[in-house]
Amino acid sequence: MAYRKGRWLDRLGTGYIVFVVAVPAAVYYLVIQMYITELFQLPMLFDEYRPITWILPLTSMALAPTASYAMWMRRYMVDELNKDYIKLARAKGVKERTLMFKHVLRNAFIPMAQYLPATILFTITGSIYIESLYSIPGMGGLLVDAIQRQDNTIVQGLVLVFSSLGIIGLILGDIAMALVDPRIKLGKGGGVR
């Protein structure tokens, strides 16, 4: 989208981002259930032994993070494309493909690397709405059920698991940033912010 800024691919991607961000998730989940299931003949109810039943829940869970990452990645890449080192590389005759993947994408990915592990872990834990929509047995449904039964021990345990996964995701994000960007060091910092 950043490379083809203003062209049809950029407009299509921007339309997707605006649609997913502007429309409530419940609406496009129901659109997926009503139309995609019939169009592609996909089963709606989840069955752990039939991988074809995983397609709709995975697609539903991936829509919002994909739109968010596409929006921020495009922004960071457009910012990188306007920097002086890119203009210098173009003046030296570096191929556009090499420039985009070796310099622009790599430098634009650094701020994004921090949030990927947390998103993956939150996806693994599941979504309460998607679990109820596709009849998936999971931690979100268990949390709702435990709250309805007023089982405080299970509620506390699940809240502890969710918060621990969030903290682990943030730590993994910091490690990922240090791996992607050699300027970032993990250790005692004596620098001033």
N, C-alpha and C. Protein backbone atom coordinates (compact mmCIF):
# COMPACT_ATOMS: atom_id res chain seq x y z
N MET A 1 0.82 -1.20 0.00
CA MET A 1 0.00 0.00 0.00
C MET A 1 0.86 1.26 0.00
N ALA A 2 1.95 1.25 0.79
CA ALA A 2 2.82 2.42 0.84
C ALA A 2 3.59 2.59 -0.47
N TYR A 3 3.98 1.48 -1.07
CA TYR A 3 4.73 1.52 -2.32
C TYR A 3 3.86 2.00 -3.47
N ARG A 4 2.61 1.60 -3.47
CA ARG A 4 1.67 1.99 -4.53
C ARG A 4 0.71 3.07 -4.03
N LYS A 5 1.23 4.01 -3.30
CA LYS A 5 0.41 5.04 -2.65
C LYS A 5 -0.45 5.78 -3.67
N GLY A 6 -1.77 5.82 -3.38
CA GLY A 6 -2.70 6.54 -4.24
C GLY A 6 -3.27 5.70 -5.37
N ARG A 7 -2.75 4.50 -5.60
CA ARG A 7 -3.26 3.65 -6.68
C ARG A 7 -4.35 2.73 -6.15
N TRP A 8 -4.87 1.86 -6.99
CA TRP A 8 -6.03 1.03 -6.65
C TRP A 8 -5.76 0.10 -5.49
N LEU A 9 -4.53 -0.45 -5.38
CA LEU A 9 -4.23 -1.36 -4.28
C LEU A 9 -4.24 -0.61 -2.95
N ASP A 10 -3.72 0.60 -2.96
CA ASP A 10 -3.73 1.43 -1.75
C ASP A 10 -5.16 1.79 -1.37
N ARG A 11 -5.98 2.12 -2.35
CA ARG A 11 -7.38 2.47 -2.07
C ARG A 11 -8.16 1.26 -1.55
N LEU A 12 -7.89 0.09 -2.11
CA LEU A 12 -8.56 -1.12 -1.66
C LEU A 12 -8.17 -1.44 -0.22
N GLY A 13 -6.87 -1.35 0.08
CA GLY A 13 -6.40 -1.60 1.45
C GLY A 13 -6.93 -0.58 2.43
N THR A 14 -6.96 0.67 2.03
CA THR A 14 -7.49 1.72 2.90
C THR A 14 -8.98 1.52 3.14
N GLY A 15 -9.71 1.10 2.11
CA GLY A 15 -11.13 0.79 2.29
C GLY A 15 -11.36 -0.33 3.28
N TYR A 16 -10.52 -1.38 3.18
CA TYR A 16 -10.61 -2.49 4.13
C TYR A 16 -10.34 -2.01 5.55
N ILE A 17 -9.32 -1.20 5.73
CA ILE A 17 -8.97 -0.69 7.06
C ILE A 17 -10.11 0.16 7.62
N VAL A 18 -10.64 1.07 6.82
CA VAL A 18 -11.71 1.94 7.28
C VAL A 18 -12.95 1.12 7.63
N PHE A 19 -13.27 0.11 6.81
CA PHE A 19 -14.44 -0.73 7.08
C PHE A 19 -14.29 -1.48 8.39
N VAL A 20 -13.14 -2.11 8.60
CA VAL A 20 -12.95 -2.94 9.81
C VAL A 20 -12.88 -2.07 11.06
N VAL A 21 -12.26 -0.89 10.94
CA VAL A 21 -12.14 -0.02 12.12
C VAL A 21 -13.46 0.69 12.42
N ALA A 22 -14.21 1.08 11.39
CA ALA A 22 -15.43 1.87 11.61
C ALA A 22 -16.64 1.02 11.98
N VAL A 23 -16.73 -0.17 11.42
CA VAL A 23 -17.91 -1.01 11.66
C VAL A 23 -17.67 -1.84 12.93
N PRO A 24 -18.64 -1.94 13.80
CA PRO A 24 -18.47 -2.79 14.99
C PRO A 24 -18.20 -4.24 14.61
N ALA A 25 -17.39 -4.89 15.41
CA ALA A 25 -16.98 -6.26 15.11
C ALA A 25 -18.17 -7.20 15.00
N ALA A 26 -19.17 -7.00 15.83
CA ALA A 26 -20.34 -7.88 15.80
C ALA A 26 -21.02 -7.87 14.44
N VAL A 27 -20.99 -6.73 13.75
CA VAL A 27 -21.64 -6.62 12.45
C VAL A 27 -20.90 -7.45 11.41
N TYR A 28 -19.57 -7.28 11.31
CA TYR A 28 -18.90 -8.06 10.27
C TYR A 28 -18.74 -9.53 10.65
N TYR A 29 -18.83 -9.87 11.93
CA TYR A 29 -18.88 -11.29 12.29
C TYR A 29 -20.18 -11.92 11.76
N LEU A 30 -21.28 -11.18 11.92
CA LEU A 30 -22.56 -11.69 11.43
C LEU A 30 -22.59 -11.74 9.90
N VAL A 31 -21.95 -10.78 9.23
CA VAL A 31 -21.87 -10.81 7.77
C VAL A 31 -21.08 -12.03 7.32
N ILE A 32 -20.00 -12.34 8.03
CA ILE A 32 -19.22 -13.54 7.72
C ILE A 32 -20.09 -14.77 7.90
N GLN A 33 -20.83 -14.82 8.98
CA GLN A 33 -21.68 -15.99 9.23
C GLN A 33 -22.78 -16.12 8.19
N MET A 34 -23.38 -15.02 7.78
CA MET A 34 -24.53 -15.09 6.87
C MET A 34 -24.11 -15.37 5.43
N TYR A 35 -23.05 -14.72 4.97
CA TYR A 35 -22.74 -14.79 3.54
C TYR A 35 -21.55 -15.69 3.21
N ILE A 36 -20.49 -15.62 3.99
CA ILE A 36 -19.29 -16.40 3.68
C ILE A 36 -19.54 -17.89 3.85
N THR A 37 -20.34 -18.26 4.85
CA THR A 37 -20.62 -19.68 5.06
C THR A 37 -21.35 -20.28 3.86
N GLU A 38 -22.30 -19.54 3.29
CA GLU A 38 -23.01 -20.04 2.12
C GLU A 38 -22.17 -19.96 0.86
N LEU A 39 -21.42 -18.87 0.71
CA LEU A 39 -20.63 -18.67 -0.50
C LEU A 39 -19.55 -19.75 -0.67
N PHE A 40 -18.85 -20.07 0.41
CA PHE A 40 -17.77 -21.06 0.34
C PHE A 40 -18.15 -22.42 0.94
N GLN A 41 -19.41 -22.58 1.31
CA GLN A 41 -19.90 -23.84 1.88
C GLN A 41 -19.06 -24.28 3.09
N LEU A 42 -18.84 -23.34 4.00
CA LEU A 42 -18.06 -23.62 5.21
C LEU A 42 -19.00 -23.87 6.39
N PRO A 43 -18.69 -24.86 7.21
CA PRO A 43 -19.53 -25.10 8.39
C PRO A 43 -19.35 -24.01 9.42
N MET A 44 -20.44 -23.70 10.11
CA MET A 44 -20.41 -22.62 11.09
C MET A 44 -20.00 -23.08 12.48
N LEU A 45 -20.31 -24.30 12.84
CA LEU A 45 -19.98 -24.79 14.17
C LEU A 45 -18.58 -25.37 14.21
N PHE A 46 -17.86 -25.07 15.25
CA PHE A 46 -16.48 -25.50 15.41
C PHE A 46 -16.42 -26.98 15.78
N ASP A 47 -15.48 -27.69 15.16
CA ASP A 47 -15.19 -29.07 15.50
C ASP A 47 -13.67 -29.22 15.47
N GLU A 48 -13.09 -29.55 16.61
CA GLU A 48 -11.63 -29.58 16.71
C GLU A 48 -10.99 -30.64 15.82
N TYR A 49 -11.75 -31.62 15.37
CA TYR A 49 -11.20 -32.69 14.53
C TYR A 49 -11.37 -32.43 13.04
N ARG A 50 -12.05 -31.34 12.69
CA ARG A 50 -12.23 -30.98 11.28
C ARG A 50 -11.61 -29.60 11.05
N PRO A 51 -10.40 -29.53 10.47
CA PRO A 51 -9.74 -28.24 10.27
C PRO A 51 -10.52 -27.25 9.42
N ILE A 52 -11.42 -27.71 8.58
CA ILE A 52 -12.20 -26.78 7.76
C ILE A 52 -13.09 -25.89 8.64
N THR A 53 -13.47 -26.36 9.82
CA THR A 53 -14.30 -25.56 10.72
C THR A 53 -13.50 -24.47 11.43
N TRP A 54 -12.20 -24.48 11.30
CA TRP A 54 -11.34 -23.47 11.94
C TRP A 54 -11.26 -22.19 11.10
N ILE A 55 -11.63 -22.27 9.82
CA ILE A 55 -11.42 -21.15 8.89
C ILE A 55 -12.19 -19.91 9.32
N LEU A 56 -13.49 -20.04 9.59
CA LEU A 56 -14.30 -18.86 9.94
C LEU A 56 -13.88 -18.22 11.27
N PRO A 57 -13.65 -19.00 12.35
CA PRO A 57 -13.19 -18.35 13.59
C PRO A 57 -11.83 -17.66 13.43
N LEU A 58 -10.92 -18.30 12.73
CA LEU A 58 -9.59 -17.68 12.53
C LEU A 58 -9.69 -16.41 11.70
N THR A 59 -10.51 -16.45 10.67
CA THR A 59 -10.71 -15.26 9.84
C THR A 59 -11.33 -14.14 10.67
N SER A 60 -12.32 -14.48 11.46
CA SER A 60 -12.98 -13.47 12.30
C SER A 60 -12.01 -12.85 13.29
N MET A 61 -11.16 -13.68 13.89
CA MET A 61 -10.21 -13.15 14.88
C MET A 61 -9.09 -12.35 14.24
N ALA A 62 -8.79 -12.64 12.97
CA ALA A 62 -7.65 -11.97 12.32
C ALA A 62 -8.03 -10.64 11.67
N LEU A 63 -9.30 -10.37 11.47
CA LEU A 63 -9.69 -9.15 10.75
C LEU A 63 -9.22 -7.87 11.43
N ALA A 64 -9.52 -7.70 12.70
CA ALA A 64 -9.18 -6.46 13.40
C ALA A 64 -7.66 -6.26 13.55
N PRO A 65 -6.89 -7.27 14.02
CA PRO A 65 -5.44 -7.05 14.11
C PRO A 65 -4.78 -6.80 12.75
N THR A 66 -5.27 -7.48 11.71
CA THR A 66 -4.69 -7.27 10.38
C THR A 66 -4.92 -5.84 9.91
N ALA A 67 -6.12 -5.33 10.10
CA ALA A 67 -6.41 -3.95 9.70
C ALA A 67 -5.58 -2.96 10.50
N SER A 68 -5.44 -3.20 11.78
CA SER A 68 -4.65 -2.30 12.62
C SER A 68 -3.19 -2.30 12.20
N TYR A 69 -2.62 -3.49 12.00
CA TYR A 69 -1.22 -3.57 11.58
C TYR A 69 -1.00 -2.99 10.18
N ALA A 70 -1.96 -3.20 9.29
CA ALA A 70 -1.83 -2.64 7.94
C ALA A 70 -1.85 -1.11 8.00
N MET A 71 -2.72 -0.55 8.82
CA MET A 71 -2.81 0.90 8.93
C MET A 71 -1.50 1.50 9.47
N TRP A 72 -0.99 0.92 10.57
CA TRP A 72 0.23 1.46 11.16
C TRP A 72 1.46 1.19 10.30
N MET A 73 1.52 0.01 9.67
CA MET A 73 2.66 -0.31 8.83
C MET A 73 2.72 0.61 7.61
N ARG A 74 1.57 0.89 7.03
CA ARG A 74 1.53 1.82 5.90
C ARG A 74 2.03 3.20 6.33
N ARG A 75 1.57 3.64 7.48
CA ARG A 75 1.98 4.96 7.97
C ARG A 75 3.49 5.02 8.20
N TYR A 76 4.04 4.00 8.86
CA TYR A 76 5.48 3.98 9.13
C TYR A 76 6.29 3.88 7.85
N MET A 77 5.78 3.12 6.88
CA MET A 77 6.51 2.99 5.61
C MET A 77 6.48 4.29 4.81
N VAL A 78 5.35 4.98 4.80
CA VAL A 78 5.28 6.28 4.11
C VAL A 78 6.24 7.27 4.77
N ASP A 79 6.32 7.24 6.10
CA ASP A 79 7.27 8.11 6.81
C ASP A 79 8.70 7.79 6.41
N GLU A 80 9.02 6.49 6.33
CA GLU A 80 10.37 6.08 5.96
C GLU A 80 10.70 6.46 4.52
N LEU A 81 9.72 6.37 3.63
CA LEU A 81 9.95 6.70 2.22
C LEU A 81 10.30 8.17 2.02
N ASN A 82 9.93 9.02 2.95
CA ASN A 82 10.21 10.45 2.83
C ASN A 82 11.51 10.87 3.50
N LYS A 83 12.27 9.92 4.03
CA LYS A 83 13.51 10.26 4.72
C LYS A 83 14.67 10.43 3.74
N ASP A 84 15.68 11.14 4.20
CA ASP A 84 16.81 11.49 3.34
C ASP A 84 17.61 10.28 2.86
N TYR A 85 17.77 9.25 3.70
CA TYR A 85 18.58 8.11 3.29
C TYR A 85 17.93 7.34 2.14
N ILE A 86 16.62 7.41 2.04
CA ILE A 86 15.92 6.76 0.92
C ILE A 86 16.14 7.56 -0.35
N LYS A 87 16.09 8.88 -0.24
CA LYS A 87 16.35 9.72 -1.41
C LYS A 87 17.78 9.52 -1.90
N LEU A 88 18.72 9.39 -0.97
CA LEU A 88 20.11 9.14 -1.34
C LEU A 88 20.27 7.78 -2.02
N ALA A 89 19.61 6.77 -1.48
CA ALA A 89 19.68 5.43 -2.08
C ALA A 89 19.09 5.43 -3.49
N ARG A 90 17.99 6.15 -3.69
CA ARG A 90 17.42 6.25 -5.04
C ARG A 90 18.37 6.97 -5.98
N ALA A 91 19.02 8.03 -5.48
CA ALA A 91 19.97 8.76 -6.32
C ALA A 91 21.17 7.90 -6.70
N LYS A 92 21.54 6.97 -5.82
CA LYS A 92 22.65 6.05 -6.11
C LYS A 92 22.25 4.95 -7.08
N GLY A 93 20.94 4.78 -7.30
CA GLY A 93 20.47 3.79 -8.25
C GLY A 93 20.07 2.46 -7.64
N VAL A 94 19.78 2.42 -6.36
CA VAL A 94 19.33 1.20 -5.71
C VAL A 94 17.95 0.85 -6.27
N LYS A 95 17.75 -0.43 -6.59
CA LYS A 95 16.47 -0.87 -7.14
C LYS A 95 15.36 -0.65 -6.12
N GLU A 96 14.16 -0.32 -6.62
CA GLU A 96 13.02 -0.03 -5.75
C GLU A 96 12.66 -1.22 -4.87
N ARG A 97 12.70 -2.42 -5.44
CA ARG A 97 12.35 -3.61 -4.66
C ARG A 97 13.33 -3.81 -3.51
N THR A 98 14.62 -3.65 -3.78
CA THR A 98 15.63 -3.77 -2.73
C THR A 98 15.45 -2.67 -1.69
N LEU A 99 15.16 -1.49 -2.16
CA LEU A 99 14.95 -0.35 -1.27
C LEU A 99 13.76 -0.58 -0.34
N MET A 100 12.66 -1.10 -0.90
CA MET A 100 11.46 -1.31 -0.10
C MET A 100 11.65 -2.40 0.95
N PHE A 101 12.25 -3.53 0.56
CA PHE A 101 12.33 -4.65 1.48
C PHE A 101 13.53 -4.56 2.41
N LYS A 102 14.65 -4.07 1.93
CA LYS A 102 15.86 -4.08 2.74
C LYS A 102 15.95 -2.87 3.68
N HIS A 103 15.41 -1.76 3.26
CA HIS A 103 15.56 -0.54 4.06
C HIS A 103 14.23 -0.07 4.67
N VAL A 104 13.26 0.19 3.81
CA VAL A 104 12.01 0.79 4.28
C VAL A 104 11.23 -0.17 5.18
N LEU A 105 10.97 -1.39 4.70
CA LEU A 105 10.19 -2.34 5.47
C LEU A 105 10.88 -2.70 6.78
N ARG A 106 12.17 -2.89 6.72
CA ARG A 106 12.92 -3.25 7.93
C ARG A 106 12.85 -2.15 8.99
N ASN A 107 13.03 -0.92 8.59
CA ASN A 107 12.99 0.18 9.55
C ASN A 107 11.57 0.51 10.00
N ALA A 108 10.59 0.30 9.13
CA ALA A 108 9.20 0.57 9.51
C ALA A 108 8.66 -0.52 10.43
N PHE A 109 9.24 -1.72 10.36
CA PHE A 109 8.75 -2.84 11.17
C PHE A 109 9.15 -2.72 12.64
N ILE A 110 10.17 -1.95 12.95
CA ILE A 110 10.69 -1.86 14.32
C ILE A 110 9.61 -1.46 15.33
N PRO A 111 8.82 -0.41 15.11
CA PRO A 111 7.78 -0.10 16.10
C PRO A 111 6.67 -1.15 16.17
N MET A 112 6.46 -1.89 15.08
CA MET A 112 5.42 -2.90 15.04
C MET A 112 5.82 -4.17 15.79
N ALA A 113 7.11 -4.45 15.84
CA ALA A 113 7.60 -5.69 16.45
C ALA A 113 7.22 -5.79 17.92
N GLN A 114 7.03 -4.67 18.56
CA GLN A 114 6.72 -4.67 19.99
C GLN A 114 5.35 -5.27 20.29
N TYR A 115 4.40 -5.12 19.38
CA TYR A 115 3.03 -5.53 19.68
C TYR A 115 2.65 -6.89 19.11
N LEU A 116 3.48 -7.47 18.24
CA LEU A 116 3.14 -8.77 17.65
C LEU A 116 3.03 -9.90 18.66
N PRO A 117 3.99 -10.09 19.57
CA PRO A 117 3.83 -11.20 20.53
C PRO A 117 2.57 -11.09 21.39
N ALA A 118 2.25 -9.88 21.83
CA ALA A 118 1.05 -9.70 22.65
C ALA A 118 -0.21 -10.04 21.85
N THR A 119 -0.24 -9.65 20.58
CA THR A 119 -1.40 -9.96 19.74
C THR A 119 -1.54 -11.46 19.54
N ILE A 120 -0.43 -12.14 19.32
CA ILE A 120 -0.46 -13.60 19.14
C ILE A 120 -0.97 -14.28 20.40
N LEU A 121 -0.48 -13.85 21.56
CA LEU A 121 -0.92 -14.47 22.82
C LEU A 121 -2.40 -14.18 23.10
N PHE A 122 -2.85 -12.97 22.80
CA PHE A 122 -4.27 -12.66 23.01
C PHE A 122 -5.15 -13.45 22.04
N THR A 123 -4.64 -13.72 20.85
CA THR A 123 -5.39 -14.53 19.89
C THR A 123 -5.49 -15.97 20.38
N ILE A 124 -4.44 -16.46 20.98
CA ILE A 124 -4.45 -17.83 21.51
C ILE A 124 -5.48 -17.96 22.64
N THR A 125 -5.53 -16.96 23.50
CA THR A 125 -6.48 -17.05 24.61
C THR A 125 -7.93 -16.97 24.13
N GLY A 126 -8.13 -16.40 22.97
CA GLY A 126 -9.47 -16.42 22.39
C GLY A 126 -10.28 -15.17 22.67
N SER A 127 -11.42 -15.15 22.05
CA SER A 127 -12.33 -14.03 22.19
C SER A 127 -13.67 -14.56 22.70
N ILE A 128 -14.21 -13.91 23.68
CA ILE A 128 -15.47 -14.34 24.27
C ILE A 128 -16.58 -14.38 23.21
N TYR A 129 -16.63 -13.35 22.40
CA TYR A 129 -17.70 -13.26 21.40
C TYR A 129 -17.55 -14.33 20.32
N ILE A 130 -16.33 -14.52 19.82
CA ILE A 130 -16.11 -15.51 18.76
C ILE A 130 -16.33 -16.93 19.29
N GLU A 131 -15.93 -17.17 20.52
CA GLU A 131 -16.16 -18.50 21.10
C GLU A 131 -17.64 -18.80 21.22
N SER A 132 -18.44 -17.81 21.60
CA SER A 132 -19.87 -18.06 21.70
C SER A 132 -20.53 -18.12 20.32
N LEU A 133 -20.01 -17.35 19.36
CA LEU A 133 -20.59 -17.32 18.02
C LEU A 133 -20.40 -18.64 17.28
N TYR A 134 -19.23 -19.25 17.43
CA TYR A 134 -18.93 -20.48 16.70
C TYR A 134 -18.95 -21.72 17.59
N SER A 135 -19.42 -21.59 18.82
CA SER A 135 -19.50 -22.70 19.78
C SER A 135 -18.14 -23.35 20.01
N ILE A 136 -17.17 -22.52 20.33
CA ILE A 136 -15.81 -23.01 20.60
C ILE A 136 -15.63 -23.10 22.11
N PRO A 137 -15.23 -24.25 22.62
CA PRO A 137 -14.93 -24.31 24.05
C PRO A 137 -13.58 -23.65 24.30
N GLY A 138 -13.56 -22.61 25.13
CA GLY A 138 -12.31 -21.91 25.37
C GLY A 138 -12.33 -21.13 26.66
N MET A 139 -11.25 -20.38 26.88
CA MET A 139 -11.09 -19.65 28.13
C MET A 139 -12.07 -18.48 28.26
N GLY A 140 -12.42 -17.85 27.15
CA GLY A 140 -13.38 -16.75 27.21
C GLY A 140 -14.75 -17.21 27.65
N GLY A 141 -15.22 -18.30 27.07
CA GLY A 141 -16.51 -18.86 27.47
C GLY A 141 -16.50 -19.37 28.90
N LEU A 142 -15.35 -19.94 29.30
CA LEU A 142 -15.21 -20.41 30.68
C LEU A 142 -15.28 -19.24 31.66
N LEU A 143 -14.69 -18.10 31.28
CA LEU A 143 -14.73 -16.92 32.14
C LEU A 143 -16.17 -16.42 32.30
N VAL A 144 -16.90 -16.34 31.21
CA VAL A 144 -18.30 -15.89 31.29
C VAL A 144 -19.12 -16.85 32.13
N ASP A 145 -18.92 -18.14 31.92
CA ASP A 145 -19.66 -19.15 32.68
C ASP A 145 -19.33 -19.07 34.17
N ALA A 146 -18.04 -18.86 34.49
CA ALA A 146 -17.63 -18.76 35.90
C ALA A 146 -18.21 -17.50 36.55
N ILE A 147 -18.30 -16.42 35.80
CA ILE A 147 -18.89 -15.19 36.34
C ILE A 147 -20.38 -15.40 36.60
N GLN A 148 -21.07 -16.06 35.69
CA GLN A 148 -22.49 -16.31 35.87
C GLN A 148 -22.76 -17.23 37.07
N ARG A 149 -21.88 -18.19 37.30
CA ARG A 149 -22.04 -19.10 38.44
C ARG A 149 -21.48 -18.51 39.73
N GLN A 150 -20.86 -17.34 39.64
CA GLN A 150 -20.21 -16.67 40.76
C GLN A 150 -19.13 -17.55 41.40
N ASP A 151 -18.35 -18.21 40.55
CA ASP A 151 -17.24 -19.05 41.00
C ASP A 151 -15.98 -18.18 41.03
N ASN A 152 -15.77 -17.53 42.16
CA ASN A 152 -14.69 -16.55 42.27
C ASN A 152 -13.30 -17.15 42.08
N THR A 153 -13.10 -18.38 42.46
CA THR A 153 -11.78 -19.00 42.32
C THR A 153 -11.39 -19.13 40.84
N ILE A 154 -12.31 -19.60 40.03
CA ILE A 154 -12.02 -19.74 38.59
C ILE A 154 -11.87 -18.36 37.95
N VAL A 155 -12.70 -17.41 38.33
CA VAL A 155 -12.60 -16.05 37.78
C VAL A 155 -11.23 -15.46 38.10
N GLN A 156 -10.80 -15.58 39.35
CA GLN A 156 -9.48 -15.05 39.74
C GLN A 156 -8.36 -15.76 38.99
N GLY A 157 -8.48 -17.09 38.85
CA GLY A 157 -7.45 -17.83 38.12
C GLY A 157 -7.37 -17.42 36.65
N LEU A 158 -8.52 -17.25 36.01
CA LEU A 158 -8.51 -16.85 34.60
C LEU A 158 -8.01 -15.42 34.42
N VAL A 159 -8.40 -14.53 35.32
CA VAL A 159 -7.90 -13.16 35.25
C VAL A 159 -6.38 -13.15 35.43
N LEU A 160 -5.87 -13.99 36.32
CA LEU A 160 -4.43 -14.11 36.51
C LEU A 160 -3.74 -14.63 35.25
N VAL A 161 -4.36 -15.63 34.60
CA VAL A 161 -3.79 -16.17 33.35
C VAL A 161 -3.78 -15.11 32.26
N PHE A 162 -4.90 -14.40 32.08
CA PHE A 162 -4.98 -13.36 31.05
C PHE A 162 -3.96 -12.25 31.30
N SER A 163 -3.85 -11.80 32.55
CA SER A 163 -2.90 -10.72 32.85
C SER A 163 -1.46 -11.20 32.71
N SER A 164 -1.18 -12.45 33.08
CA SER A 164 0.17 -13.00 32.91
C SER A 164 0.55 -13.08 31.44
N LEU A 165 -0.40 -13.52 30.61
CA LEU A 165 -0.13 -13.58 29.18
C LEU A 165 0.10 -12.18 28.60
N GLY A 166 -0.62 -11.19 29.10
CA GLY A 166 -0.39 -9.82 28.66
C GLY A 166 0.99 -9.33 29.02
N ILE A 167 1.44 -9.61 30.24
CA ILE A 167 2.78 -9.20 30.67
C ILE A 167 3.86 -9.94 29.87
N ILE A 168 3.65 -11.25 29.67
CA ILE A 168 4.61 -12.03 28.88
C ILE A 168 4.67 -11.48 27.45
N GLY A 169 3.52 -11.12 26.88
CA GLY A 169 3.49 -10.54 25.54
C GLY A 169 4.27 -9.24 25.46
N LEU A 170 4.15 -8.39 26.48
CA LEU A 170 4.90 -7.13 26.49
C LEU A 170 6.41 -7.38 26.61
N ILE A 171 6.80 -8.34 27.44
CA ILE A 171 8.22 -8.67 27.57
C ILE A 171 8.77 -9.22 26.26
N LEU A 172 8.01 -10.14 25.64
CA LEU A 172 8.44 -10.69 24.34
C LEU A 172 8.50 -9.60 23.27
N GLY A 173 7.59 -8.63 23.35
CA GLY A 173 7.63 -7.51 22.42
C GLY A 173 8.89 -6.67 22.58
N ASP A 174 9.30 -6.42 23.82
CA ASP A 174 10.55 -5.69 24.04
C ASP A 174 11.75 -6.46 23.52
N ILE A 175 11.74 -7.78 23.73
CA ILE A 175 12.84 -8.62 23.22
C ILE A 175 12.84 -8.61 21.70
N ALA A 176 11.65 -8.67 21.09
CA ALA A 176 11.57 -8.63 19.62
C ALA A 176 12.09 -7.31 19.08
N MET A 177 11.79 -6.20 19.76
CA MET A 177 12.32 -4.91 19.32
C MET A 177 13.84 -4.88 19.39
N ALA A 178 14.40 -5.47 20.46
CA ALA A 178 15.86 -5.51 20.59
C ALA A 178 16.49 -6.38 19.51
N LEU A 179 15.81 -7.43 19.10
CA LEU A 179 16.34 -8.30 18.04
C LEU A 179 16.27 -7.63 16.68
N VAL A 180 15.20 -6.88 16.44
CA VAL A 180 15.01 -6.25 15.13
C VAL A 180 15.88 -5.01 14.98
N ASP A 181 16.02 -4.23 16.03
CA ASP A 181 16.78 -2.98 15.97
C ASP A 181 18.05 -3.10 16.80
N PRO A 182 19.21 -3.11 16.17
CA PRO A 182 20.46 -3.26 16.92
C PRO A 182 20.79 -2.07 17.83
N ARG A 183 20.11 -0.95 17.64
CA ARG A 183 20.37 0.22 18.49
C ARG A 183 19.77 0.06 19.88
N ILE A 184 18.81 -0.86 20.02
CA ILE A 184 18.14 -1.08 21.30
C ILE A 184 18.86 -2.19 22.04
N LYS A 185 19.24 -1.93 23.25
CA LYS A 185 19.95 -2.91 24.08
C LYS A 185 19.08 -3.25 25.28
N LEU A 186 19.06 -4.54 25.63
CA LEU A 186 18.37 -4.98 26.84
C LEU A 186 19.41 -5.07 27.94
N GLY A 187 19.22 -4.31 28.96
CA GLY A 187 20.17 -4.33 30.07
C GLY A 187 20.00 -3.08 30.90
N LYS A 188 20.93 -2.89 31.83
CA LYS A 188 20.85 -1.70 32.66
C LYS A 188 21.11 -0.49 31.82
N GLY A 189 20.19 0.43 31.92
CA GLY A 189 20.33 1.65 31.12
C GLY A 189 20.79 2.79 32.00
N GLY A 190 21.78 3.49 31.53
CA GLY A 190 22.23 4.65 32.26
C GLY A 190 21.82 5.92 31.54
N GLY A 191 21.06 5.73 30.46
CA GLY A 191 20.68 6.88 29.64
C GLY A 191 19.56 7.67 30.27
N VAL A 192 19.39 8.84 29.75
CA VAL A 192 18.33 9.74 30.21
C VAL A 192 17.23 9.74 29.17
N ARG A 193 16.00 9.68 29.62
CA ARG A 193 14.87 9.74 28.67
C ARG A 193 14.39 11.12 28.51
